[in-house]
């Protein structure tokens, strides 16, 4: 009788653990394909692809802007080389559903089942 109770407790434990880690594993699984597409878009300065990967509203400077305005600012302020260098630095986790590049701080967020570029902190680096 005790063996069946212990087995039942283990069964509950194994059923519970995957549901707790689901959000994290979903974000982790989605990161590599996103980062591959994002890195390629930055390398080619593919504005159309980048706009699709940007959160709307995008955090620009001291306020918010549309993805289109964000790309226009990057063009106007000649930030492409800086963004490319930032992408080349790689990324680090900033919590469960957030990542950033190691330098110049491009910030990313996992929201509604997908990764989005949310901000470029121009004042750093």
PDB file of N, CA and C in Angstrom:
ATOM      1  N   UNK A   1       0.813  -1.201   0.000  1.00  0.00           N
ATOM      2  CA  UNK A   1       0.000   0.000   0.000  1.00  0.00           C
ATOM      3  C   UNK A   1       0.860   1.270   0.000  1.00  0.00           C
ATOM      4  N   UNK A   2       1.921   1.291   0.803  1.00  0.00           N
ATOM      5  CA  UNK A   2       2.786   2.459   0.858  1.00  0.00           C
ATOM      6  C   UNK A   2       3.497   2.677  -0.472  1.00  0.00           C
ATOM      7  N   UNK A   3       3.848   1.625  -1.119  1.00  0.00           N
ATOM      8  CA  UNK A   3       4.518   1.738  -2.407  1.00  0.00           C
ATOM      9  C   UNK A   3       3.626   2.449  -3.427  1.00  0.00           C
ATOM     10  N   UNK A   4       2.350   2.158  -3.413  1.00  0.00           N
ATOM     11  CA  UNK A   4       1.462   2.815  -4.365  1.00  0.00           C
ATOM     12  C   UNK A   4       1.286   4.298  -4.040  1.00  0.00           C
ATOM     13  N   UNK A   5       1.305   4.673  -2.771  1.00  0.00           N
ATOM     14  CA  UNK A   5       1.224   6.094  -2.398  1.00  0.00           C
ATOM     15  C   UNK A   5       2.485   6.840  -2.830  1.00  0.00           C
ATOM     16  N   UNK A   6       3.620   6.204  -2.633  1.00  0.00           N
ATOM     17  CA  UNK A   6       4.883   6.819  -3.045  1.00  0.00           C
ATOM     18  C   UNK A   6       4.912   6.949  -4.567  1.00  0.00           C
ATOM     19  N   UNK A   7       4.490   5.925  -5.249  1.00  0.00           N
ATOM     20  CA  UNK A   7       4.428   5.978  -6.715  1.00  0.00           C
ATOM     21  C   UNK A   7       3.500   7.085  -7.182  1.00  0.00           C
ATOM     22  N   UNK A   8       2.380   7.236  -6.504  1.00  0.00           N
ATOM     23  CA  UNK A   8       1.419   8.282  -6.841  1.00  0.00           C
ATOM     24  C   UNK A   8       2.040   9.668  -6.632  1.00  0.00           C
ATOM     25  N   UNK A   9       2.776   9.850  -5.538  1.00  0.00           N
ATOM     26  CA  UNK A   9       3.432  11.134  -5.269  1.00  0.00           C
ATOM     27  C   UNK A   9       4.479  11.448  -6.338  1.00  0.00           C
ATOM     28  N   UNK A  10       5.256  10.445  -6.728  1.00  0.00           N
ATOM     29  CA  UNK A  10       6.226  10.654  -7.803  1.00  0.00           C
ATOM     30  C   UNK A  10       5.540  10.995  -9.117  1.00  0.00           C
ATOM     31  N   UNK A  11       4.449  10.365  -9.399  1.00  0.00           N
ATOM     32  CA  UNK A  11       3.692  10.655 -10.612  1.00  0.00           C
ATOM     33  C   UNK A  11       3.216  12.104 -10.606  1.00  0.00           C
ATOM     34  N   UNK A  12       2.682  12.556  -9.477  1.00  0.00           N
ATOM     35  CA  UNK A  12       2.250  13.954  -9.363  1.00  0.00           C
ATOM     36  C   UNK A  12       3.428  14.908  -9.558  1.00  0.00           C
ATOM     37  N   UNK A  13       4.553  14.561  -8.948  1.00  0.00           N
ATOM     38  CA  UNK A  13       5.745  15.398  -9.079  1.00  0.00           C
ATOM     39  C   UNK A  13       6.170  15.515 -10.541  1.00  0.00           C
ATOM     40  N   UNK A  14       6.236  14.407 -11.261  1.00  0.00           N
ATOM     41  CA  UNK A  14       6.653  14.431 -12.659  1.00  0.00           C
ATOM     42  C   UNK A  14       5.636  15.118 -13.567  1.00  0.00           C
ATOM     43  N   UNK A  15       4.388  15.115 -13.174  1.00  0.00           N
ATOM     44  CA  UNK A  15       3.381  15.838 -13.951  1.00  0.00           C
ATOM     45  C   UNK A  15       3.453  17.334 -13.690  1.00  0.00           C
ATOM     46  N   UNK A  16       3.826  17.723 -12.479  1.00  0.00           N
ATOM     47  CA  UNK A  16       3.865  19.125 -12.093  1.00  0.00           C
ATOM     48  C   UNK A  16       5.106  19.830 -12.636  1.00  0.00           C
ATOM     49  N   UNK A  17       6.260  19.216 -12.590  1.00  0.00           N
ATOM     50  CA  UNK A  17       7.517  19.848 -12.975  1.00  0.00           C
ATOM     51  C   UNK A  17       7.502  20.357 -14.417  1.00  0.00           C
ATOM     52  N   UNK A  18       7.067  19.588 -15.408  1.00  0.00           N
ATOM     53  CA  UNK A  18       7.062  20.128 -16.773  1.00  0.00           C
ATOM     54  C   UNK A  18       6.168  21.354 -16.932  1.00  0.00           C
ATOM     55  N   UNK A  19       5.050  21.427 -16.213  1.00  0.00           N
ATOM     56  CA  UNK A  19       4.179  22.593 -16.352  1.00  0.00           C
ATOM     57  C   UNK A  19       4.821  23.836 -15.764  1.00  0.00           C
ATOM     58  N   UNK A  20       5.619  23.698 -14.724  1.00  0.00           N
ATOM     59  CA  UNK A  20       6.300  24.836 -14.120  1.00  0.00           C
ATOM     60  C   UNK A  20       7.382  25.365 -15.054  1.00  0.00           C
ATOM     61  N   UNK A  21       8.108  24.476 -15.705  1.00  0.00           N
ATOM     62  CA  UNK A  21       9.218  24.903 -16.544  1.00  0.00           C
ATOM     63  C   UNK A  21       8.810  25.149 -17.996  1.00  0.00           C
ATOM     64  N   UNK A  22       7.542  25.026 -18.337  1.00  0.00           N
ATOM     65  CA  UNK A  22       7.085  25.179 -19.720  1.00  0.00           C
ATOM     66  C   UNK A  22       7.432  26.541 -20.303  1.00  0.00           C
ATOM     67  N   UNK A  23       7.129  27.617 -19.568  1.00  0.00           N
ATOM     68  CA  UNK A  23       7.376  28.962 -20.098  1.00  0.00           C
ATOM     69  C   UNK A  23       8.856  29.177 -20.358  1.00  0.00           C
ATOM     70  N   UNK A  24       9.700  28.738 -19.451  1.00  0.00           N
ATOM     71  CA  UNK A  24      11.131  28.900 -19.637  1.00  0.00           C
ATOM     72  C   UNK A  24      11.625  28.103 -20.832  1.00  0.00           C
ATOM     73  N   UNK A  25      11.219  26.857 -20.940  1.00  0.00           N
ATOM     74  CA  UNK A  25      11.709  26.055 -22.047  1.00  0.00           C
ATOM     75  C   UNK A  25      11.175  26.568 -23.386  1.00  0.00           C
ATOM     76  N   UNK A  26       9.972  27.106 -23.399  1.00  0.00           N
ATOM     77  CA  UNK A  26       9.427  27.685 -24.632  1.00  0.00           C
ATOM     78  C   UNK A  26      10.264  28.886 -25.059  1.00  0.00           C
ATOM     79  N   UNK A  27      10.601  29.752 -24.113  1.00  0.00           N
ATOM     80  CA  UNK A  27      11.438  30.916 -24.417  1.00  0.00           C
ATOM     81  C   UNK A  27      12.818  30.474 -24.874  1.00  0.00           C
ATOM     82  N   UNK A  28      13.391  29.489 -24.178  1.00  0.00           N
ATOM     83  CA  UNK A  28      14.718  28.995 -24.558  1.00  0.00           C
ATOM     84  C   UNK A  28      14.716  28.399 -25.957  1.00  0.00           C
ATOM     85  N   UNK A  29      13.712  27.610 -26.264  1.00  0.00           N
ATOM     86  CA  UNK A  29      13.631  26.981 -27.580  1.00  0.00           C
ATOM     87  C   UNK A  29      13.443  28.016 -28.683  1.00  0.00           C
ATOM     88  N   UNK A  30      12.737  29.081 -28.383  1.00  0.00           N
ATOM     89  CA  UNK A  30      12.466  30.107 -29.392  1.00  0.00           C
ATOM     90  C   UNK A  30      13.642  31.068 -29.575  1.00  0.00           C
ATOM     91  N   UNK A  31      14.563  31.111 -28.613  1.00  0.00           N
ATOM     92  CA  UNK A  31      15.638  32.103 -28.673  1.00  0.00           C
ATOM     93  C   UNK A  31      16.579  31.885 -29.858  1.00  0.00           C
ATOM     94  N   UNK A  32      17.106  30.685 -30.032  1.00  0.00           N
ATOM     95  CA  UNK A  32      18.117  30.454 -31.068  1.00  0.00           C
ATOM     96  C   UNK A  32      17.608  30.799 -32.473  1.00  0.00           C
ATOM     97  N   UNK A  33      16.412  30.339 -32.875  1.00  0.00           N
ATOM     98  CA  UNK A  33      15.931  30.736 -34.207  1.00  0.00           C
ATOM     99  C   UNK A  33      15.740  32.256 -34.339  1.00  0.00           C
ATOM    100  N   UNK A  34      15.238  32.889 -33.272  1.00  0.00           N
ATOM    101  CA  UNK A  34      15.072  34.344 -33.306  1.00  0.00           C
ATOM    102  C   UNK A  34      16.426  35.018 -33.466  1.00  0.00           C
ATOM    103  N   UNK A  35      17.398  34.613 -32.646  1.00  0.00           N
ATOM    104  CA  UNK A  35      18.713  35.250 -32.666  1.00  0.00           C
ATOM    105  C   UNK A  35      19.398  35.062 -34.022  1.00  0.00           C
ATOM    106  N   UNK A  36      19.238  33.914 -34.627  1.00  0.00           N
ATOM    107  CA  UNK A  36      19.809  33.660 -35.952  1.00  0.00           C
ATOM    108  C   UNK A  36      19.211  34.622 -36.974  1.00  0.00           C
ATOM    109  N   UNK A  37      17.875  34.762 -36.970  1.00  0.00           N
ATOM    110  CA  UNK A  37      17.208  35.688 -37.904  1.00  0.00           C
ATOM    111  C   UNK A  37      17.599  37.136 -37.607  1.00  0.00           C
ATOM    112  N   UNK A  38      17.618  37.495 -36.320  1.00  0.00           N
ATOM    113  CA  UNK A  38      17.945  38.858 -35.925  1.00  0.00           C
ATOM    114  C   UNK A  38      19.373  39.214 -36.341  1.00  0.00           C
ATOM    115  N   UNK A  39      20.324  38.339 -36.047  1.00  0.00           N
ATOM    116  CA  UNK A  39      21.731  38.579 -36.395  1.00  0.00           C
ATOM    117  C   UNK A  39      21.912  38.753 -37.896  1.00  0.00           C
ATOM    118  N   UNK A  40      21.245  37.913 -38.676  1.00  0.00           N
ATOM    119  CA  UNK A  40      21.334  38.018 -40.139  1.00  0.00           C
ATOM    120  C   UNK A  40      20.734  39.339 -40.617  1.00  0.00           C
ATOM    121  N   UNK A  41      19.608  39.737 -40.034  1.00  0.00           N
ATOM    122  CA  UNK A  41      18.960  40.999 -40.428  1.00  0.00           C
ATOM    123  C   UNK A  41      19.852  42.191 -40.098  1.00  0.00           C
ATOM    124  N   UNK A  42      20.504  42.172 -38.948  1.00  0.00           N
ATOM    125  CA  UNK A  42      21.409  43.265 -38.572  1.00  0.00           C
ATOM    126  C   UNK A  42      22.613  43.293 -39.514  1.00  0.00           C
ATOM    127  N   UNK A  43      23.188  42.136 -39.805  1.00  0.00           N
ATOM    128  CA  UNK A  43      24.365  42.075 -40.686  1.00  0.00           C
ATOM    129  C   UNK A  43      24.056  42.657 -42.066  1.00  0.00           C
ATOM    130  N   UNK A  44      22.841  42.411 -42.559  1.00  0.00           N
ATOM    131  CA  UNK A  44      22.440  42.881 -43.889  1.00  0.00           C
ATOM    132  C   UNK A  44      21.730  44.235 -43.852  1.00  0.00           C
ATOM    133  N   UNK A  45      21.558  44.784 -42.645  1.00  0.00           N
ATOM    134  CA  UNK A  45      20.791  46.027 -42.454  1.00  0.00           C
ATOM    135  C   UNK A  45      19.400  45.890 -43.077  1.00  0.00           C
ATOM    136  N   UNK A  46      18.809  44.725 -42.852  1.00  0.00           N
ATOM    137  CA  UNK A  46      17.492  44.416 -43.399  1.00  0.00           C
ATOM    138  C   UNK A  46      16.426  45.069 -42.523  1.00  0.00           C
ATOM    139  N   UNK A  47      16.075  46.276 -42.877  1.00  0.00           N
ATOM    140  CA  UNK A  47      15.150  47.082 -42.090  1.00  0.00           C
ATOM    141  C   UNK A  47      13.760  46.450 -41.989  1.00  0.00           C
ATOM    142  N   UNK A  48      13.292  45.860 -43.070  1.00  0.00           N
ATOM    143  CA  UNK A  48      11.961  45.240 -43.076  1.00  0.00           C
ATOM    144  C   UNK A  48      11.917  44.089 -42.075  1.00  0.00           C
ATOM    145  N   UNK A  49      12.912  43.221 -42.125  1.00  0.00           N
ATOM    146  CA  UNK A  49      12.951  42.079 -41.194  1.00  0.00           C
ATOM    147  C   UNK A  49      13.071  42.560 -39.752  1.00  0.00           C
ATOM    148  N   UNK A  50      13.900  43.565 -39.518  1.00  0.00           N
ATOM    149  CA  UNK A  50      14.072  44.063 -38.149  1.00  0.00           C
ATOM    150  C   UNK A  50      12.788  44.677 -37.597  1.00  0.00           C
ATOM    151  N   UNK A  51      12.071  45.406 -38.425  1.00  0.00           N
ATOM    152  CA  UNK A  51      10.809  46.000 -37.964  1.00  0.00           C
ATOM    153  C   UNK A  51       9.835  44.929 -37.493  1.00  0.00           C
ATOM    154  N   UNK A  52       9.848  43.782 -38.164  1.00  0.00           N
ATOM    155  CA  UNK A  52       8.962  42.678 -37.787  1.00  0.00           C
ATOM    156  C   UNK A  52       9.370  42.050 -36.459  1.00  0.00           C
ATOM    157  N   UNK A  53      10.633  42.242 -36.057  1.00  0.00           N
ATOM    158  CA  UNK A  53      11.140  41.667 -34.813  1.00  0.00           C
ATOM    159  C   UNK A  53      11.157  42.677 -33.665  1.00  0.00           C
ATOM    160  N   UNK A  54      10.680  43.888 -33.919  1.00  0.00           N
ATOM    161  CA  UNK A  54      10.685  44.940 -32.904  1.00  0.00           C
ATOM    162  C   UNK A  54       9.326  45.024 -32.214  1.00  0.00           C
ATOM    163  N   UNK A  55       9.381  45.299 -30.937  1.00  0.00           N
ATOM    164  CA  UNK A  55       8.147  45.503 -30.185  1.00  0.00           C
ATOM    165  C   UNK A  55       7.546  46.844 -30.597  1.00  0.00           C
ATOM    166  N   UNK A  56       6.235  46.900 -30.620  1.00  0.00           N
ATOM    167  CA  UNK A  56       5.541  48.144 -30.934  1.00  0.00           C
ATOM    168  C   UNK A  56       4.624  48.481 -29.757  1.00  0.00           C
ATOM    169  N   UNK A  57       4.922  49.519 -29.001  1.00  0.00           N
ATOM    170  CA  UNK A  57       5.942  50.538 -29.240  1.00  0.00           C
ATOM    171  C   UNK A  57       7.340  50.060 -28.859  1.00  0.00           C
ATOM    172  N   UNK A  58       8.331  50.608 -29.563  1.00  0.00           N
ATOM    173  CA  UNK A  58       9.743  50.351 -29.334  1.00  0.00           C
ATOM    174  C   UNK A  58      10.263  51.469 -28.440  1.00  0.00           C
ATOM    175  N   UNK A  59      11.151  51.135 -27.519  1.00  0.00           N
ATOM    176  CA  UNK A  59      11.704  52.165 -26.632  1.00  0.00           C
ATOM    177  C   UNK A  59      12.872  52.863 -27.315  1.00  0.00           C
ATOM    178  N   UNK A  60      12.686  54.145 -27.601  1.00  0.00           N
ATOM    179  CA  UNK A  60      13.690  54.951 -28.304  1.00  0.00           C
ATOM    180  C   UNK A  60      14.167  56.075 -27.395  1.00  0.00           C
ATOM    181  N   UNK A  61      15.454  56.195 -27.228  1.00  0.00           N
ATOM    182  CA  UNK A  61      15.987  57.315 -26.466  1.00  0.00           C
ATOM    183  C   UNK A  61      15.258  57.510 -25.151  1.00  0.00           C
ATOM    184  N   UNK A  62      14.603  58.653 -25.014  1.00  0.00           N
ATOM    185  CA  UNK A  62      13.888  58.985 -23.787  1.00  0.00           C
ATOM    186  C   UNK A  62      12.402  58.682 -23.854  1.00  0.00           C
ATOM    187  N   UNK A  63      11.945  58.076 -24.924  1.00  0.00           N
ATOM    188  CA  UNK A  63      10.514  57.832 -25.058  1.00  0.00           C
ATOM    189  C   UNK A  63      10.220  56.570 -25.832  1.00  0.00           C
ATOM    190  N   UNK A  64       9.062  56.576 -26.458  1.00  0.00           N
ATOM    191  CA  UNK A  64       8.649  55.428 -27.262  1.00  0.00           C
ATOM    192  C   UNK A  64       8.457  55.868 -28.704  1.00  0.00           C
ATOM    193  N   UNK A  65       8.605  54.912 -29.597  1.00  0.00           N
ATOM    194  CA  UNK A  65       8.411  55.189 -31.017  1.00  0.00           C
ATOM    195  C   UNK A  65       7.894  53.922 -31.673  1.00  0.00           C
ATOM    196  N   UNK A  66       7.523  54.037 -32.926  1.00  0.00           N
ATOM    197  CA  UNK A  66       7.127  52.865 -33.704  1.00  0.00           C
ATOM    198  C   UNK A  66       8.406  52.172 -34.184  1.00  0.00           C
ATOM    199  N   UNK A  67       8.312  50.917 -34.586  1.00  0.00           N
ATOM    200  CA  UNK A  67       9.488  50.273 -35.176  1.00  0.00           C
ATOM    201  C   UNK A  67      10.045  51.055 -36.373  1.00  0.00           C
ATOM    202  N   UNK A  68       9.175  51.614 -37.196  1.00  0.00           N
ATOM    203  CA  UNK A  68       9.625  52.407 -38.342  1.00  0.00           C
ATOM    204  C   UNK A  68      10.446  53.613 -37.881  1.00  0.00           C
ATOM    205  N   UNK A  69       9.958  54.320 -36.870  1.00  0.00           N
ATOM    206  CA  UNK A  69      10.696  55.475 -36.338  1.00  0.00           C
ATOM    207  C   UNK A  69      12.018  55.042 -35.712  1.00  0.00           C
ATOM    208  N   UNK A  70      12.024  53.882 -35.065  1.00  0.00           N
ATOM    209  CA  UNK A  70      13.253  53.359 -34.473  1.00  0.00           C
ATOM    210  C   UNK A  70      14.316  53.093 -35.527  1.00  0.00           C
ATOM    211  N   UNK A  71      13.923  52.473 -36.629  1.00  0.00           N
ATOM    212  CA  UNK A  71      14.865  52.213 -37.724  1.00  0.00           C
ATOM    213  C   UNK A  71      15.330  53.528 -38.346  1.00  0.00           C
ATOM    214  N   UNK A  72      14.421  54.488 -38.499  1.00  0.00           N
ATOM    215  CA  UNK A  72      14.803  55.796 -39.038  1.00  0.00           C
ATOM    216  C   UNK A  72      15.839  56.472 -38.138  1.00  0.00           C
ATOM    217  N   UNK A  73      15.674  56.357 -36.812  1.00  0.00           N
ATOM    218  CA  UNK A  73      16.651  56.926 -35.877  1.00  0.00           C
ATOM    219  C   UNK A  73      18.011  56.250 -36.023  1.00  0.00           C
ATOM    220  N   UNK A  74      18.003  54.936 -36.173  1.00  0.00           N
ATOM    221  CA  UNK A  74      19.262  54.199 -36.346  1.00  0.00           C
ATOM    222  C   UNK A  74      19.968  54.663 -37.609  1.00  0.00           C
ATOM    223  N   UNK A  75      19.198  54.855 -38.681  1.00  0.00           N
ATOM    224  CA  UNK A  75      19.779  55.365 -39.934  1.00  0.00           C
ATOM    225  C   UNK A  75      20.302  56.786 -39.751  1.00  0.00           C
ATOM    226  N   UNK A  76      19.466  57.644 -39.200  1.00  0.00           N
ATOM    227  CA  UNK A  76      19.814  59.061 -39.047  1.00  0.00           C
ATOM    228  C   UNK A  76      21.027  59.262 -38.141  1.00  0.00           C
ATOM    229  N   UNK A  77      21.091  58.483 -37.061  1.00  0.00           N
ATOM    230  CA  UNK A  77      22.186  58.622 -36.097  1.00  0.00           C
ATOM    231  C   UNK A  77      23.394  57.737 -36.434  1.00  0.00           C
ATOM    232  N   UNK A  78      23.299  57.030 -37.559  1.00  0.00           N
ATOM    233  CA  UNK A  78      24.390  56.171 -38.051  1.00  0.00           C
ATOM    234  C   UNK A  78      24.845  55.180 -36.971  1.00  0.00           C
ATOM    235  N   UNK A  79      23.894  54.374 -36.496  1.00  0.00           N
ATOM    236  CA  UNK A  79      24.149  53.421 -35.412  1.00  0.00           C
ATOM    237  C   UNK A  79      24.338  51.981 -35.897  1.00  0.00           C
ATOM    238  N   UNK A  80      24.340  51.736 -37.201  1.00  0.00           N
ATOM    239  CA  UNK A  80      24.418  50.362 -37.692  1.00  0.00           C
ATOM    240  C   UNK A  80      25.675  49.643 -37.240  1.00  0.00           C
ATOM    241  N   UNK A  81      26.832  50.304 -37.338  1.00  0.00           N
ATOM    242  CA  UNK A  81      28.082  49.654 -36.950  1.00  0.00           C
ATOM    243  C   UNK A  81      28.061  49.309 -35.462  1.00  0.00           C
ATOM    244  N   UNK A  82      27.524  50.190 -34.666  1.00  0.00           N
ATOM    245  CA  UNK A  82      27.440  49.952 -33.226  1.00  0.00           C
ATOM    246  C   UNK A  82      26.514  48.768 -32.927  1.00  0.00           C
ATOM    247  N   UNK A  83      25.401  48.695 -33.623  1.00  0.00           N
ATOM    248  CA  UNK A  83      24.459  47.588 -33.417  1.00  0.00           C
ATOM    249  C   UNK A  83      25.094  46.278 -33.883  1.00  0.00           C
ATOM    250  N   UNK A  84      25.799  46.300 -35.003  1.00  0.00           N
ATOM    251  CA  UNK A  84      26.474  45.091 -35.482  1.00  0.00           C
ATOM    252  C   UNK A  84      27.534  44.617 -34.482  1.00  0.00           C
ATOM    253  N   UNK A  85      28.265  45.540 -33.898  1.00  0.00           N
ATOM    254  CA  UNK A  85      29.266  45.191 -32.882  1.00  0.00           C
ATOM    255  C   UNK A  85      28.577  44.614 -31.648  1.00  0.00           C
ATOM    256  N   UNK A  86      27.456  45.171 -31.279  1.00  0.00           N
ATOM    257  CA  UNK A  86      26.694  44.678 -30.141  1.00  0.00           C
ATOM    258  C   UNK A  86      26.222  43.249 -30.368  1.00  0.00           C
ATOM    259  N   UNK A  87      25.696  42.971 -31.554  1.00  0.00           N
ATOM    260  CA  UNK A  87      25.242  41.620 -31.902  1.00  0.00           C
ATOM    261  C   UNK A  87      26.418  40.646 -31.857  1.00  0.00           C
ATOM    262  N   UNK A  88      27.573  41.074 -32.355  1.00  0.00           N
ATOM    263  CA  UNK A  88      28.758  40.211 -32.359  1.00  0.00           C
ATOM    264  C   UNK A  88      29.231  39.863 -30.951  1.00  0.00           C
ATOM    265  N   UNK A  89      28.869  40.678 -29.970  1.00  0.00           N
ATOM    266  CA  UNK A  89      29.299  40.425 -28.587  1.00  0.00           C
ATOM    267  C   UNK A  89      28.561  39.256 -27.948  1.00  0.00           C
ATOM    268  N   UNK A  90      27.441  38.838 -28.546  1.00  0.00           N
ATOM    269  CA  UNK A  90      26.640  37.764 -27.974  1.00  0.00           C
ATOM    270  C   UNK A  90      25.626  38.305 -26.975  1.00  0.00           C
ATOM    271  N   UNK A  91      24.914  37.392 -26.330  1.00  0.00           N
ATOM    272  CA  UNK A  91      23.863  37.803 -25.401  1.00  0.00           C
ATOM    273  C   UNK A  91      24.008  37.122 -24.054  1.00  0.00           C
ATOM    274  N   UNK A  92      23.277  37.646 -23.099  1.00  0.00           N
ATOM    275  CA  UNK A  92      23.211  37.065 -21.758  1.00  0.00           C
ATOM    276  C   UNK A  92      21.771  37.145 -21.270  1.00  0.00           C
ATOM    277  N   UNK A  93      21.440  36.263 -20.368  1.00  0.00           N
ATOM    278  CA  UNK A  93      20.100  36.248 -19.792  1.00  0.00           C
ATOM    279  C   UNK A  93      19.952  37.398 -18.814  1.00  0.00           C
ATOM    280  N   UNK A  94      18.807  38.028 -18.848  1.00  0.00           N
ATOM    281  CA  UNK A  94      18.483  39.110 -17.907  1.00  0.00           C
ATOM    282  C   UNK A  94      17.244  38.726 -17.104  1.00  0.00           C
ATOM    283  N   UNK A  95      17.049  37.457 -16.929  1.00  0.00           N
ATOM    284  CA  UNK A  95      15.867  36.964 -16.232  1.00  0.00           C
ATOM    285  C   UNK A  95      15.138  35.951 -17.083  1.00  0.00           C
ATOM    286  N   UNK A  96      14.034  35.490 -16.569  1.00  0.00           N
ATOM    287  CA  UNK A  96      13.295  34.393 -17.183  1.00  0.00           C
ATOM    288  C   UNK A  96      12.954  34.627 -18.656  1.00  0.00           C
ATOM    289  N   UNK A  97      12.452  35.799 -18.992  1.00  0.00           N
ATOM    290  CA  UNK A  97      11.993  36.066 -20.360  1.00  0.00           C
ATOM    291  C   UNK A  97      12.644  37.299 -20.969  1.00  0.00           C
ATOM    292  N   UNK A  98      13.870  37.603 -20.541  1.00  0.00           N
ATOM    293  CA  UNK A  98      14.567  38.779 -21.049  1.00  0.00           C
ATOM    294  C   UNK A  98      16.022  38.439 -21.332  1.00  0.00           C
ATOM    295  N   UNK A  99      16.558  39.040 -22.380  1.00  0.00           N
ATOM    296  CA  UNK A  99      17.966  38.876 -22.736  1.00  0.00           C
ATOM    297  C   UNK A  99      18.493  40.229 -23.186  1.00  0.00           C
ATOM    298  N   UNK A 100      19.816  40.370 -23.164  1.00  0.00           N
ATOM    299  CA  UNK A 100      20.452  41.571 -23.693  1.00  0.00           C
ATOM    300  C   UNK A 100      21.774  41.182 -24.319  1.00  0.00           C
ATOM    301  N   UNK A 101      22.256  42.043 -25.210  1.00  0.00           N
ATOM    302  CA  UNK A 101      23.588  41.827 -25.739  1.00  0.00           C
ATOM    303  C   UNK A 101      24.583  42.202 -24.647  1.00  0.00           C
ATOM    304  N   UNK A 102      25.804  41.732 -24.797  1.00  0.00           N
ATOM    305  CA  UNK A 102      26.811  41.956 -23.762  1.00  0.00           C
ATOM    306  C   UNK A 102      27.366  43.377 -23.781  1.00  0.00           C
ATOM    307  N   UNK A 103      27.361  44.017 -24.960  1.00  0.00           N
ATOM    308  CA  UNK A 103      27.789  45.419 -25.033  1.00  0.00           C
ATOM    309  C   UNK A 103      26.744  46.233 -25.791  1.00  0.00           C
ATOM    310  N   UNK A 104      26.652  47.482 -25.486  1.00  0.00           N
ATOM    311  CA  UNK A 104      25.723  48.448 -26.083  1.00  0.00           C
ATOM    312  C   UNK A 104      24.260  48.136 -25.802  1.00  0.00           C
ATOM    313  N   UNK A 105      24.001  47.038 -25.202  1.00  0.00           N
ATOM    314  CA  UNK A 105      22.698  46.733 -24.624  1.00  0.00           C
ATOM    315  C   UNK A 105      21.492  46.837 -25.553  1.00  0.00           C
ATOM    316  N   UNK A 106      21.413  45.897 -26.464  1.00  0.00           N
ATOM    317  CA  UNK A 106      20.161  45.675 -27.174  1.00  0.00           C
ATOM    318  C   UNK A 106      19.342  44.797 -26.232  1.00  0.00           C
ATOM    319  N   UNK A 107      18.112  45.166 -25.965  1.00  0.00           N
ATOM    320  CA  UNK A 107      17.278  44.431 -25.023  1.00  0.00           C
ATOM    321  C   UNK A 107      16.181  43.672 -25.756  1.00  0.00           C
ATOM    322  N   UNK A 108      15.921  42.445 -25.299  1.00  0.00           N
ATOM    323  CA  UNK A 108      14.941  41.557 -25.916  1.00  0.00           C
ATOM    324  C   UNK A 108      14.012  40.998 -24.844  1.00  0.00           C
ATOM    325  N   UNK A 109      12.776  40.714 -25.272  1.00  0.00           N
ATOM    326  CA  UNK A 109      11.758  40.226 -24.345  1.00  0.00           C
ATOM    327  C   UNK A 109      10.951  39.120 -25.021  1.00  0.00           C
ATOM    328  N   UNK A 110      10.659  38.072 -24.259  1.00  0.00           N
ATOM    329  CA  UNK A 110       9.815  36.995 -24.765  1.00  0.00           C
ATOM    330  C   UNK A 110       8.389  37.299 -24.319  1.00  0.00           C
ATOM    331  N   UNK A 111       7.525  37.532 -25.301  1.00  0.00           N
ATOM    332  CA  UNK A 111       6.155  37.957 -25.005  1.00  0.00           C
ATOM    333  C   UNK A 111       5.191  37.299 -25.988  1.00  0.00           C
ATOM    334  N   UNK A 112       4.098  36.769 -25.469  1.00  0.00           N
ATOM    335  CA  UNK A 112       3.076  36.134 -26.310  1.00  0.00           C
ATOM    336  C   UNK A 112       3.659  35.078 -27.248  1.00  0.00           C
ATOM    337  N   UNK A 113       4.601  34.296 -26.720  1.00  0.00           N
ATOM    338  CA  UNK A 113       5.144  33.185 -27.486  1.00  0.00           C
ATOM    339  C   UNK A 113       6.214  33.537 -28.502  1.00  0.00           C
ATOM    340  N   UNK A 114       6.748  34.771 -28.448  1.00  0.00           N
ATOM    341  CA  UNK A 114       7.806  35.129 -29.398  1.00  0.00           C
ATOM    342  C   UNK A 114       8.758  36.154 -28.799  1.00  0.00           C
ATOM    343  N   UNK A 115       9.980  36.152 -29.297  1.00  0.00           N
ATOM    344  CA  UNK A 115      10.986  37.120 -28.870  1.00  0.00           C
ATOM    345  C   UNK A 115      10.826  38.403 -29.675  1.00  0.00           C
ATOM    346  N   UNK A 116      11.037  39.526 -29.022  1.00  0.00           N
ATOM    347  CA  UNK A 116      10.976  40.832 -29.667  1.00  0.00           C
ATOM    348  C   UNK A 116      12.154  41.688 -29.208  1.00  0.00           C
ATOM    349  N   UNK A 117      12.648  42.507 -30.110  1.00  0.00           N
ATOM    350  CA  UNK A 117      13.655  43.511 -29.758  1.00  0.00           C
ATOM    351  C   UNK A 117      12.877  44.676 -29.169  1.00  0.00           C
ATOM    352  N   UNK A 118      13.194  45.068 -27.940  1.00  0.00           N
ATOM    353  CA  UNK A 118      12.389  46.093 -27.271  1.00  0.00           C
ATOM    354  C   UNK A 118      13.097  47.425 -27.098  1.00  0.00           C
ATOM    355  N   UNK A 119      14.444  47.422 -27.133  1.00  0.00           N
ATOM    356  CA  UNK A 119      15.134  48.687 -26.888  1.00  0.00           C
ATOM    357  C   UNK A 119      16.599  48.613 -27.291  1.00  0.00           C
ATOM    358  N   UNK A 120      17.118  49.756 -27.704  1.00  0.00           N
ATOM    359  CA  UNK A 120      18.554  49.943 -27.934  1.00  0.00           C
ATOM    360  C   UNK A 120      18.978  51.091 -27.044  1.00  0.00           C
ATOM    361  N   UNK A 121      19.754  50.787 -26.010  1.00  0.00           N
ATOM    362  CA  UNK A 121      20.199  51.817 -25.070  1.00  0.00           C
ATOM    363  C   UNK A 121      21.427  52.512 -25.658  1.00  0.00           C
ATOM    364  N   UNK A 122      21.200  53.606 -26.331  1.00  0.00           N
ATOM    365  CA  UNK A 122      22.270  54.305 -27.055  1.00  0.00           C
ATOM    366  C   UNK A 122      23.322  54.914 -26.145  1.00  0.00           C
ATOM    367  N   UNK A 123      22.990  55.184 -24.913  1.00  0.00           N
ATOM    368  CA  UNK A 123      23.911  55.881 -24.024  1.00  0.00           C
ATOM    369  C   UNK A 123      25.013  54.999 -23.453  1.00  0.00           C
ATOM    370  N   UNK A 124      24.893  53.680 -23.628  1.00  0.00           N
ATOM    371  CA  UNK A 124      25.868  52.762 -23.047  1.00  0.00           C
ATOM    372  C   UNK A 124      26.920  52.382 -24.061  1.00  0.00           C
ATOM    373  N   UNK A 125      28.097  52.021 -23.545  1.00  0.00           N
ATOM    374  CA  UNK A 125      29.167  51.469 -24.371  1.00  0.00           C
ATOM    375  C   UNK A 125      29.932  52.522 -25.090  1.00  0.00           C
TER     376      UNK A 125
END
